[in-house]
């Protein structure tokens, strides 16, 4: 069992408040991702969980036990760093064996330990455990090489192996894929997901890449400004963001945000379009969010919005059209499958409609407004 709970965690560095009363519950065997922009506090929160930093306020609980002041070496958690942190003068086998023995040594014994112990016969019984872990990660043929002889992906798997070999309560990973190229990152995402399923262990993963969070997580915590703005499944956060900040951060291309007004009939008005949505707000001006896949080209109709094609991104199977809309600072992006209807060109005047069932509404401060469709006869009455 490795249930983890962070209660009201606060952390300051000088006058800078990095974490502001963060609460987080992680269930046994979950893959939880902390995702957010640089400087939001996600790595600091992971380091506090690992025992590498002490919180100014709050508690860290593992399986109900308060480990807030317990040193990192005694928490039985394994950390995988962005920089791999492999010993360059040792082979991969020796790197993986090191934490097995260090776990049982006192502090006074650790300094002379690294290096010479590998020749001693009493450490040979660690080999089978290393070999089993290497087989899971498919790096058996790399065990006698040194880190400098490996590619980035191979080094990352070796770093994972060194963490796995201890059989920890949970794996903590701080942006482990950020040093890899794009194709290898996609491959390693799949490998990490499969590894999590095989091991049945708890994973806590930090990244600024929302694609990693969406594709790997059981649950993800979106962090900004030292707080968790939303915590839930990737599907729920993508489809039902709690705030405009979350909606803008999760999804690529980013969600379209359109200016709108609320009239006396509680209808939301955009340009010449009046949406039959009800928003419980007294604000005269709000924002409407619609993801690129929820917009579609149409003929000019009373319910369509017009704009000019400003830029086109061709991603092979999909085209992303960036449109300049009157009075909107940001372009509106529409996703269209290649071969699906007419191909538009730069500076074309086009018309599009929103999928009303997927449209979101946000107040001026970014909070989500609860909305629902209303029939036109309801509005008239």
Protein backbone atom coordinates (compact mmCIF):
# COMPACT_ATOMS: atom_id res chain seq x y z
CA UNK A 1 0.00 0.00 0.00
CA UNK A 2 1.24 3.50 -0.80
CA UNK A 3 -1.53 6.04 -0.33
CA UNK A 4 -0.08 9.55 -0.25
CA UNK A 5 -1.69 12.65 1.21
CA UNK A 6 -0.36 16.19 1.22
CA UNK A 7 -2.20 18.45 3.68
CA UNK A 8 -2.07 22.25 3.41
CA UNK A 9 1.51 22.34 2.09
CA UNK A 10 3.05 25.83 2.05
CA UNK A 11 6.58 26.77 1.05
CA UNK A 12 8.41 30.08 0.79
CA UNK A 13 11.84 30.95 -0.53
CA UNK A 14 12.63 34.33 1.00
CA UNK A 15 9.70 36.61 0.20
CA UNK A 16 8.47 34.38 -2.63
CA UNK A 17 5.52 32.17 -1.77
CA UNK A 18 6.00 29.09 -3.96
CA UNK A 19 3.24 26.85 -2.55
CA UNK A 20 0.04 28.20 -1.02
CA UNK A 21 -1.76 25.61 1.08
CA UNK A 22 -1.74 22.70 -1.38
CA UNK A 23 -3.90 19.61 -0.66
CA UNK A 24 -3.47 16.42 -2.70
CA UNK A 25 -4.64 12.82 -2.28
CA UNK A 26 -2.99 10.04 -4.30
CA UNK A 27 -4.44 6.55 -4.16
CA UNK A 28 -2.42 3.33 -4.15
CA UNK A 29 -1.22 2.30 -7.65
CA UNK A 30 -2.38 5.56 -9.26
CA UNK A 31 -0.45 7.42 -11.96
CA UNK A 32 -0.83 11.07 -10.92
CA UNK A 33 0.73 13.93 -12.86
CA UNK A 34 1.48 17.44 -11.58
CA UNK A 35 1.30 19.65 -14.65
CA UNK A 36 1.67 23.39 -15.05
CA UNK A 37 3.89 26.15 -16.45
CA UNK A 38 7.42 26.78 -15.21
CA UNK A 39 7.49 28.34 -11.75
CA UNK A 40 4.08 27.08 -10.62
CA UNK A 41 5.57 25.00 -7.75
CA UNK A 42 5.13 21.46 -9.09
CA UNK A 43 8.79 20.39 -8.71
CA UNK A 44 8.96 21.94 -5.24
CA UNK A 45 5.87 19.95 -4.22
CA UNK A 46 7.49 16.74 -5.52
CA UNK A 47 10.72 17.48 -3.63
CA UNK A 48 8.72 18.02 -0.43
CA UNK A 49 7.06 14.64 -0.97
CA UNK A 50 10.48 13.06 -1.55
CA UNK A 51 11.92 14.66 1.61
CA UNK A 52 14.44 16.80 -0.29
CA UNK A 53 12.70 19.99 0.90
CA UNK A 54 10.88 20.76 4.16
CA UNK A 55 7.51 22.55 4.00
CA UNK A 56 6.99 25.71 6.03
CA UNK A 57 3.48 24.50 6.82
CA UNK A 58 1.49 21.32 6.31
CA UNK A 59 1.98 17.57 6.54
CA UNK A 60 3.13 14.72 4.29
CA UNK A 61 1.37 11.42 5.02
CA UNK A 62 2.28 8.05 3.48
CA UNK A 63 -0.09 5.20 4.34
CA UNK A 64 -1.46 7.37 7.14
CA UNK A 65 1.95 7.89 8.74
CA UNK A 66 3.24 11.44 9.16
CA UNK A 67 6.65 11.56 7.42
CA UNK A 68 6.96 15.35 7.17
CA UNK A 69 10.23 15.39 9.14
CA UNK A 70 11.42 11.93 8.07
CA UNK A 71 14.61 12.09 6.02
CA UNK A 72 14.45 11.19 2.33
CA UNK A 73 16.47 7.98 2.68
CA UNK A 74 13.93 6.57 5.16
CA UNK A 75 10.76 7.21 3.13
CA UNK A 76 11.35 4.31 0.69
CA UNK A 77 10.52 6.48 -2.33
CA UNK A 78 12.52 6.42 -5.56
CA UNK A 79 13.20 9.62 -7.48
CA UNK A 80 13.94 9.85 -11.22
CA UNK A 81 15.49 13.17 -12.19
CA UNK A 82 15.44 15.14 -15.42
CA UNK A 83 19.25 14.91 -15.68
CA UNK A 84 19.34 11.07 -15.22
CA UNK A 85 21.93 11.51 -12.38
CA UNK A 86 23.85 8.34 -13.31
CA UNK A 87 27.42 7.86 -12.04
CA UNK A 88 29.48 8.33 -15.23
CA UNK A 89 32.41 6.16 -14.06
CA UNK A 90 30.23 3.13 -13.24
CA UNK A 91 28.56 0.68 -15.58
CA UNK A 92 24.77 0.55 -15.79
CA UNK A 93 24.80 -2.64 -13.70
CA UNK A 94 26.87 -0.90 -11.02
CA UNK A 95 24.60 2.16 -11.13
CA UNK A 96 21.57 -0.05 -10.55
CA UNK A 97 23.24 -2.00 -7.73
CA UNK A 98 24.27 1.14 -5.82
CA UNK A 99 20.92 2.01 -4.14
CA UNK A 100 20.44 -1.62 -3.04
CA UNK A 101 23.55 -1.50 -0.92
CA UNK A 102 23.40 2.15 0.13
CA UNK A 103 20.01 1.50 1.68
CA UNK A 104 21.65 -0.79 4.26
CA UNK A 105 24.76 1.30 5.01
CA UNK A 106 25.21 3.92 7.71
CA UNK A 107 26.22 7.45 6.76
CA UNK A 108 29.85 6.85 7.82
CA UNK A 109 30.07 3.83 5.54
CA UNK A 110 28.68 5.52 2.42
CA UNK A 111 31.61 7.71 1.43
CA UNK A 112 34.12 4.87 0.76
CA UNK A 113 31.37 2.66 -0.63
CA UNK A 114 30.97 3.92 -4.20
CA UNK A 115 33.29 2.05 -6.55
CA UNK A 116 35.47 -0.50 -4.77
CA UNK A 117 32.65 -2.65 -3.39
CA UNK A 118 31.80 -4.05 -6.82
CA UNK A 119 34.81 -6.36 -6.72
CA UNK A 120 33.77 -7.95 -3.44
CA UNK A 121 32.06 -11.33 -3.49
CA UNK A 122 29.48 -10.42 -0.82
CA UNK A 123 27.68 -8.15 -3.28
CA UNK A 124 27.19 -10.75 -6.02
CA UNK A 125 23.77 -11.73 -4.67
CA UNK A 126 22.44 -8.35 -5.84
CA UNK A 127 22.99 -9.30 -9.47
CA UNK A 128 19.82 -11.32 -9.90
CA UNK A 129 17.64 -8.45 -8.69
CA UNK A 130 19.35 -6.08 -11.13
CA UNK A 131 18.99 -8.59 -13.96
CA UNK A 132 15.26 -8.99 -13.35
CA UNK A 133 14.75 -5.22 -13.45
CA UNK A 134 16.90 -4.87 -16.57
CA UNK A 135 14.82 -7.53 -18.29
CA UNK A 136 11.59 -5.61 -17.57
CA UNK A 137 13.10 -2.45 -19.08
CA UNK A 138 14.77 -4.34 -21.96
CA UNK A 139 18.24 -3.00 -21.15
CA UNK A 140 19.96 -6.31 -20.34
CA UNK A 141 22.44 -5.86 -23.20
CA UNK A 142 23.38 -2.41 -21.83
CA UNK A 143 24.34 -3.46 -18.30
CA UNK A 144 28.09 -3.55 -18.94
CA UNK A 145 28.20 -0.18 -20.69
CA UNK A 146 28.82 3.18 -19.06
CA UNK A 147 26.32 6.06 -19.32
CA UNK A 148 28.46 7.93 -21.86
CA UNK A 149 28.05 5.02 -24.28
CA UNK A 150 24.23 5.18 -24.25
CA UNK A 151 21.65 7.27 -26.07
CA UNK A 152 19.34 9.61 -24.19
CA UNK A 153 16.50 7.10 -24.19
CA UNK A 154 18.76 4.29 -22.97
CA UNK A 155 20.10 6.47 -20.15
CA UNK A 156 16.56 7.36 -19.14
CA UNK A 157 15.62 3.67 -18.93
CA UNK A 158 18.77 3.01 -16.89
CA UNK A 159 17.76 5.79 -14.48
CA UNK A 160 14.32 4.20 -14.21
CA UNK A 161 15.96 0.85 -13.53
CA UNK A 162 18.02 2.26 -10.69
CA UNK A 163 14.80 3.58 -9.15
CA UNK A 164 12.86 0.33 -9.73
CA UNK A 165 15.42 -2.03 -8.29
CA UNK A 166 14.70 -0.86 -4.73
CA UNK A 167 11.03 -1.88 -4.97
CA UNK A 168 9.93 1.45 -3.45
CA UNK A 169 6.53 2.49 -2.11
CA UNK A 170 6.18 5.00 -4.96
CA UNK A 171 8.09 6.39 -7.93
CA UNK A 172 8.60 10.16 -8.12
CA UNK A 173 9.57 11.53 -11.54
CA UNK A 174 10.64 15.12 -12.17
CA UNK A 175 10.30 15.87 -15.91
CA UNK A 176 12.22 12.71 -16.88
CA UNK A 177 11.51 13.02 -20.63
CA UNK A 178 12.27 16.69 -21.21
CA UNK A 179 15.83 16.02 -22.45
CA UNK A 180 14.67 13.61 -25.18
CA UNK A 181 13.77 14.42 -28.77
CA UNK A 182 10.11 14.55 -29.81
CA UNK A 183 9.90 11.05 -31.32
CA UNK A 184 11.63 9.44 -28.33
CA UNK A 185 9.38 11.29 -25.89
CA UNK A 186 6.32 9.74 -27.57
CA UNK A 187 7.94 6.29 -27.38
CA UNK A 188 8.91 6.72 -23.71
CA UNK A 189 5.41 7.90 -22.79
CA UNK A 190 4.06 4.57 -24.01
CA UNK A 191 6.83 2.67 -22.19
CA UNK A 192 6.16 4.47 -18.90
CA UNK A 193 2.43 3.77 -19.15
CA UNK A 194 3.07 0.07 -19.80
CA UNK A 195 5.67 -0.03 -17.00
CA UNK A 196 3.15 1.43 -14.56
CA UNK A 197 0.63 -1.24 -15.51
CA UNK A 198 3.19 -4.06 -15.13
CA UNK A 199 4.54 -2.89 -11.79
CA UNK A 200 1.20 -1.94 -10.23
CA UNK A 201 3.01 0.82 -8.32
CA UNK A 202 2.19 4.42 -7.45
CA UNK A 203 3.67 6.98 -9.87
CA UNK A 204 3.85 10.72 -9.17
CA UNK A 205 5.03 12.52 -12.28
CA UNK A 206 5.93 16.19 -12.85
CA UNK A 207 5.83 17.81 -16.28
CA UNK A 208 5.10 21.11 -18.03
CA UNK A 209 4.00 19.16 -21.13
CA UNK A 210 0.23 18.81 -21.10
CA UNK A 211 0.42 16.08 -23.78
CA UNK A 212 2.36 13.87 -21.34
CA UNK A 213 -0.20 14.54 -18.60
CA UNK A 214 -3.18 13.79 -20.84
CA UNK A 215 -1.78 10.56 -22.30
CA UNK A 216 -0.32 8.90 -19.20
CA UNK A 217 -2.28 9.95 -16.11
CA UNK A 218 -5.05 8.30 -14.15
CA UNK A 219 -5.53 11.72 -12.58
CA UNK A 220 -3.76 15.02 -13.14
CA UNK A 221 -3.38 18.13 -10.97
CA UNK A 222 -3.19 21.39 -12.91
CA UNK A 223 -0.99 23.79 -10.94
CA UNK A 224 -0.59 27.55 -11.34
CA UNK A 225 0.57 30.31 -8.97
CA UNK A 226 1.45 27.79 -6.24
CA UNK A 227 -2.02 26.25 -6.14
CA UNK A 228 -3.84 23.27 -7.63
CA UNK A 229 -6.58 24.78 -9.78
CA UNK A 230 -8.16 21.45 -10.75
CA UNK A 231 -7.59 17.78 -9.94
CA UNK A 232 -9.29 15.00 -11.87
CA UNK A 233 -9.13 12.63 -14.82
CA UNK A 234 -7.58 13.90 -18.07
CA UNK A 235 -10.94 13.53 -19.84
CA UNK A 236 -12.80 15.55 -17.23
CA UNK A 237 -10.23 18.35 -17.10
CA UNK A 238 -10.13 18.62 -20.89
CA UNK A 239 -13.90 18.61 -21.33
CA UNK A 240 -14.91 20.41 -18.12
CA UNK A 241 -12.15 22.85 -17.11
CA UNK A 242 -12.91 24.64 -13.86
CA UNK A 243 -11.42 27.97 -14.94
CA UNK A 244 -10.40 29.79 -18.11
CA UNK A 245 -6.73 29.37 -17.09
CA UNK A 246 -7.09 25.59 -17.00
CA UNK A 247 -9.00 25.60 -20.30
CA UNK A 248 -6.26 27.64 -22.01
CA UNK A 249 -3.41 25.53 -20.64
CA UNK A 250 -4.84 22.07 -21.39
CA UNK A 251 -5.30 21.30 -25.07
CA UNK A 252 -3.28 21.93 -28.21
CA UNK A 253 -4.06 24.14 -30.02
CA UNK A 254 -5.41 26.11 -27.10
CA UNK A 255 -9.13 26.61 -26.59
CA UNK A 256 -10.73 29.54 -28.44
CA UNK A 257 -11.90 32.33 -26.14
CA UNK A 258 -14.52 34.67 -27.64
CA UNK A 259 -15.92 37.83 -26.09
CA UNK A 260 -19.64 37.75 -25.41
CA UNK A 261 -22.38 39.75 -23.73
CA UNK A 262 -25.40 38.65 -21.73
CA UNK A 263 -28.68 40.34 -22.73
CA UNK A 264 -31.84 40.98 -20.72
CA UNK A 265 -33.17 37.55 -21.67
CA UNK A 266 -30.14 35.79 -20.16
CA UNK A 267 -28.94 34.91 -23.64
CA UNK A 268 -25.26 34.95 -24.59
CA UNK A 269 -24.52 37.10 -27.64
CA UNK A 270 -21.41 36.82 -29.82
CA UNK A 271 -21.17 39.08 -32.86
CA UNK A 272 -24.51 38.55 -34.64
CA UNK A 273 -25.04 35.15 -32.97
CA UNK A 274 -27.43 34.71 -30.05
CA UNK A 275 -26.85 31.41 -28.25
CA UNK A 276 -29.74 29.70 -26.50
CA UNK A 277 -27.65 29.18 -23.37
CA UNK A 278 -28.48 30.30 -19.86
CA UNK A 279 -25.69 31.71 -17.70
CA UNK A 280 -26.47 32.48 -14.05
CA UNK A 281 -24.48 35.72 -13.87
CA UNK A 282 -25.16 39.42 -13.47
CA UNK A 283 -22.08 40.33 -15.52
CA UNK A 284 -22.87 42.06 -18.82
CA UNK A 285 -19.65 40.79 -20.43
CA UNK A 286 -18.33 37.23 -20.25
CA UNK A 287 -16.18 34.87 -22.34
CA UNK A 288 -17.13 31.82 -24.38
CA UNK A 289 -14.72 28.88 -24.77
CA UNK A 290 -14.85 26.49 -27.73
CA UNK A 291 -12.14 24.01 -28.67
CA UNK A 292 -10.96 23.89 -32.30
CA UNK A 293 -12.73 20.57 -32.92
CA UNK A 294 -16.04 22.10 -31.74
CA UNK A 295 -16.08 24.72 -34.51
CA UNK A 296 -17.07 23.91 -38.08
CA UNK A 297 -17.20 25.83 -41.34
CA UNK A 298 -20.65 26.68 -42.65
CA UNK A 299 -22.52 28.83 -45.13
CA UNK A 300 -23.42 32.36 -44.09
CA UNK A 301 -26.48 32.06 -41.84
CA UNK A 302 -28.02 34.15 -39.03
CA UNK A 303 -26.24 31.88 -36.51
CA UNK A 304 -22.78 31.90 -38.16
CA UNK A 305 -19.72 33.99 -37.26
CA UNK A 306 -17.47 35.48 -39.95
CA UNK A 307 -13.72 35.90 -40.13
CA UNK A 308 -10.71 36.00 -42.44
CA UNK A 309 -8.16 33.17 -42.75
CA UNK A 310 -4.97 34.52 -41.18
CA UNK A 311 -2.74 31.41 -41.02
CA UNK A 312 -2.98 27.70 -41.90
CA UNK A 313 -1.17 24.83 -40.12
CA UNK A 314 -0.99 21.59 -42.10
CA UNK A 315 -0.34 18.66 -39.73
CA UNK A 316 -0.90 15.92 -42.30
CA UNK A 317 -4.25 14.46 -41.30
CA UNK A 318 -5.56 17.77 -39.92
CA UNK A 319 -5.59 21.40 -40.95
CA UNK A 320 -5.76 24.12 -38.33
CA UNK A 321 -7.16 27.38 -39.68
CA UNK A 322 -6.37 30.55 -37.71
CA UNK A 323 -9.05 33.18 -38.31
CA UNK A 324 -9.04 36.89 -37.52
CA UNK A 325 -12.40 37.81 -36.02
CA UNK A 326 -13.69 41.34 -35.60
CA UNK A 327 -12.93 42.81 -32.15
CA UNK A 328 -11.04 39.67 -31.02
CA UNK A 329 -7.36 40.05 -30.05
CA UNK A 330 -6.52 36.37 -30.47
CA UNK A 331 -7.17 34.43 -33.67
CA UNK A 332 -9.82 31.71 -33.61
CA UNK A 333 -8.56 28.22 -34.52
CA UNK A 334 -10.71 25.67 -36.35
CA UNK A 335 -9.67 22.05 -36.76
CA UNK A 336 -10.62 20.47 -40.08
CA UNK A 337 -9.70 17.04 -41.44
CA UNK A 338 -7.79 17.07 -44.71
CA UNK A 339 -10.22 16.39 -47.55
CA UNK A 340 -13.22 17.38 -45.43
CA UNK A 341 -14.96 19.99 -47.55
CA UNK A 342 -13.51 23.01 -49.35
CA UNK A 343 -9.85 23.91 -48.83
CA UNK A 344 -9.62 27.56 -47.75
CA UNK A 345 -6.76 29.92 -48.52
CA UNK A 346 -5.09 32.83 -46.75
CA UNK A 347 -7.30 35.97 -46.64
CA UNK A 348 -10.48 34.03 -47.53
CA UNK A 349 -13.66 35.28 -45.86
CA UNK A 350 -15.18 32.25 -44.10
CA UNK A 351 -18.13 31.50 -41.84
CA UNK A 352 -18.32 29.04 -38.97
CA UNK A 353 -20.66 27.81 -36.26
CA UNK A 354 -20.17 26.58 -32.70
CA UNK A 355 -21.16 23.21 -31.30
CA UNK A 356 -23.50 24.54 -28.61
CA UNK A 357 -23.36 21.28 -26.62
CA UNK A 358 -19.62 21.72 -26.09
CA UNK A 359 -19.47 25.49 -25.55
CA UNK A 360 -18.17 26.75 -22.19
CA UNK A 361 -18.81 30.08 -20.46
CA UNK A 362 -16.44 31.97 -18.15
CA UNK A 363 -16.93 35.03 -15.95
CA UNK A 364 -14.62 38.04 -16.23
CA UNK A 365 -12.41 36.64 -13.42
CA UNK A 366 -12.02 33.32 -15.30
CA UNK A 367 -14.30 31.17 -13.14
CA UNK A 368 -16.52 28.69 -14.93
CA UNK A 369 -20.19 29.55 -15.32
CA UNK A 370 -22.66 26.69 -15.20
CA UNK A 371 -24.64 26.70 -18.41
CA UNK A 372 -27.30 24.63 -20.10
CA UNK A 373 -29.16 24.67 -23.39
CA UNK A 374 -32.60 26.23 -23.46
CA UNK A 375 -35.23 25.73 -26.10
CA UNK A 376 -36.34 28.83 -27.97
CA UNK A 377 -39.96 28.43 -26.77
CA UNK A 378 -38.64 28.46 -23.15
CA UNK A 379 -36.88 31.76 -23.82
CA UNK A 380 -39.97 33.25 -25.47
CA UNK A 381 -42.11 32.34 -22.48
